[in-house]
């Protein structure tokens, strides 16, 4: 599924890479230069609602964002291409 639409040939695959760091997480992804994206976060898939963590406008080729995980036991992230 790409950006919520199965089989869309006009979109590149969106893949958010998540790595642990000493202070939390490092989120990164390969972007299409000049494209807008949004990273969303949710504390629970069953009861939680997705909230915007950060919007990226006119993205460079690679986007890297640091995220503190202090006080959270479980968190989910997703990457959305914004028109």
C-alpha atoms as a PDB file:
ATOM      1  CA  UNK A   1       0.000   0.000   0.000  1.00  0.00           C
ATOM      2  CA  UNK A   2       1.433   3.362  -1.000  1.00  0.00           C
ATOM      3  CA  UNK A   3       0.229   6.526   0.733  1.00  0.00           C
ATOM      4  CA  UNK A   4      -3.062   4.827   1.564  1.00  0.00           C
ATOM      5  CA  UNK A   5      -3.709   3.748  -2.049  1.00  0.00           C
ATOM      6  CA  UNK A   6      -2.919   0.173  -3.053  1.00  0.00           C
ATOM      7  CA  UNK A   7      -1.057  -0.166  -6.339  1.00  0.00           C
ATOM      8  CA  UNK A   8      -0.618   3.505  -7.218  1.00  0.00           C
ATOM      9  CA  UNK A   9       1.992   3.533  -9.951  1.00  0.00           C
ATOM     10  CA  UNK A  10       2.515   7.314  -9.779  1.00  0.00           C
ATOM     11  CA  UNK A  11       3.987   7.262  -6.265  1.00  0.00           C
ATOM     12  CA  UNK A  12       7.370   6.074  -5.078  1.00  0.00           C
ATOM     13  CA  UNK A  13       7.421   3.696  -2.125  1.00  0.00           C
ATOM     14  CA  UNK A  14       7.380   5.521   1.210  1.00  0.00           C
ATOM     15  CA  UNK A  15       9.683   3.966   3.790  1.00  0.00           C
ATOM     16  CA  UNK A  16      10.403   5.516   7.175  1.00  0.00           C
ATOM     17  CA  UNK A  17      13.613   4.200   8.746  1.00  0.00           C
ATOM     18  CA  UNK A  18      13.652   4.224  12.560  1.00  0.00           C
ATOM     19  CA  UNK A  19      16.870   3.744  14.552  1.00  0.00           C
ATOM     20  CA  UNK A  20      17.484   3.873  18.308  1.00  0.00           C
ATOM     21  CA  UNK A  21      19.883   6.539  19.577  1.00  0.00           C
ATOM     22  CA  UNK A  22      21.215   7.382  23.050  1.00  0.00           C
ATOM     23  CA  UNK A  23      18.452   9.980  23.538  1.00  0.00           C
ATOM     24  CA  UNK A  24      15.556   8.403  21.664  1.00  0.00           C
ATOM     25  CA  UNK A  25      15.065   7.708  17.979  1.00  0.00           C
ATOM     26  CA  UNK A  26      16.332   8.862  14.636  1.00  0.00           C
ATOM     27  CA  UNK A  27      13.703   8.931  11.871  1.00  0.00           C
ATOM     28  CA  UNK A  28      14.851   9.210   8.276  1.00  0.00           C
ATOM     29  CA  UNK A  29      13.583   8.665   4.761  1.00  0.00           C
ATOM     30  CA  UNK A  30      14.590   9.152   1.145  1.00  0.00           C
ATOM     31  CA  UNK A  31      12.405  11.882  -0.331  1.00  0.00           C
ATOM     32  CA  UNK A  32      11.544  13.206  -3.735  1.00  0.00           C
ATOM     33  CA  UNK A  33      13.202  16.645  -3.747  1.00  0.00           C
ATOM     34  CA  UNK A  34      10.674  19.479  -3.410  1.00  0.00           C
ATOM     35  CA  UNK A  35       7.855  17.215  -2.220  1.00  0.00           C
ATOM     36  CA  UNK A  36       5.837  17.766   0.963  1.00  0.00           C
ATOM     37  CA  UNK A  37       5.594  15.057   3.628  1.00  0.00           C
ATOM     38  CA  UNK A  38       4.144  14.596   7.101  1.00  0.00           C
ATOM     39  CA  UNK A  39       5.358  12.260   9.844  1.00  0.00           C
ATOM     40  CA  UNK A  40       2.556  11.132  12.116  1.00  0.00           C
ATOM     41  CA  UNK A  41       2.701   9.458  15.512  1.00  0.00           C
ATOM     42  CA  UNK A  42       0.275   7.325  17.518  1.00  0.00           C
ATOM     43  CA  UNK A  43       0.702   5.836  21.002  1.00  0.00           C
ATOM     44  CA  UNK A  44      -1.595   2.863  20.343  1.00  0.00           C
ATOM     45  CA  UNK A  45      -2.931   1.358  17.147  1.00  0.00           C
ATOM     46  CA  UNK A  46      -6.176   0.088  18.638  1.00  0.00           C
ATOM     47  CA  UNK A  47      -7.376   3.158  20.536  1.00  0.00           C
ATOM     48  CA  UNK A  48      -5.075   5.951  19.489  1.00  0.00           C
ATOM     49  CA  UNK A  49      -5.464   8.637  16.862  1.00  0.00           C
ATOM     50  CA  UNK A  50      -2.666   9.686  14.528  1.00  0.00           C
ATOM     51  CA  UNK A  51      -1.228  13.116  15.277  1.00  0.00           C
ATOM     52  CA  UNK A  52       1.186  15.199  13.245  1.00  0.00           C
ATOM     53  CA  UNK A  53       4.718  14.989  14.606  1.00  0.00           C
ATOM     54  CA  UNK A  54       6.310  17.132  11.905  1.00  0.00           C
ATOM     55  CA  UNK A  55       5.547  18.500   8.459  1.00  0.00           C
ATOM     56  CA  UNK A  56       8.338  18.668   5.913  1.00  0.00           C
ATOM     57  CA  UNK A  57       7.877  21.197   3.085  1.00  0.00           C
ATOM     58  CA  UNK A  58      10.018  21.185  -0.071  1.00  0.00           C
ATOM     59  CA  UNK A  59      11.951  18.175   1.194  1.00  0.00           C
ATOM     60  CA  UNK A  60      15.640  17.626   0.406  1.00  0.00           C
ATOM     61  CA  UNK A  61      16.754  14.224  -0.959  1.00  0.00           C
ATOM     62  CA  UNK A  62      17.187  12.789   2.559  1.00  0.00           C
ATOM     63  CA  UNK A  63      15.243  13.829   5.656  1.00  0.00           C
ATOM     64  CA  UNK A  64      16.568  13.127   9.176  1.00  0.00           C
ATOM     65  CA  UNK A  65      14.622  13.927  12.360  1.00  0.00           C
ATOM     66  CA  UNK A  66      15.503  13.234  16.000  1.00  0.00           C
ATOM     67  CA  UNK A  67      12.720  12.139  18.338  1.00  0.00           C
ATOM     68  CA  UNK A  68      12.901  11.816  22.119  1.00  0.00           C
ATOM     69  CA  UNK A  69      11.122   8.778  23.515  1.00  0.00           C
ATOM     70  CA  UNK A  70      11.183   9.898  27.153  1.00  0.00           C
ATOM     71  CA  UNK A  71       8.018   8.816  28.986  1.00  0.00           C
ATOM     72  CA  UNK A  72       6.625   6.596  26.232  1.00  0.00           C
ATOM     73  CA  UNK A  73       6.439   2.831  26.366  1.00  0.00           C
ATOM     74  CA  UNK A  74       5.041   2.247  22.878  1.00  0.00           C
ATOM     75  CA  UNK A  75       4.804   4.538  19.867  1.00  0.00           C
ATOM     76  CA  UNK A  76       4.059   4.063  16.181  1.00  0.00           C
ATOM     77  CA  UNK A  77       5.155   6.285  13.288  1.00  0.00           C
ATOM     78  CA  UNK A  78       3.999   6.666   9.717  1.00  0.00           C
ATOM     79  CA  UNK A  79       5.089   8.741   6.756  1.00  0.00           C
ATOM     80  CA  UNK A  80       2.530  10.448   4.515  1.00  0.00           C
ATOM     81  CA  UNK A  81       3.138  12.192   1.189  1.00  0.00           C
ATOM     82  CA  UNK A  82       1.150  15.447   1.224  1.00  0.00           C
ATOM     83  CA  UNK A  83      -0.242  16.858  -2.033  1.00  0.00           C
END
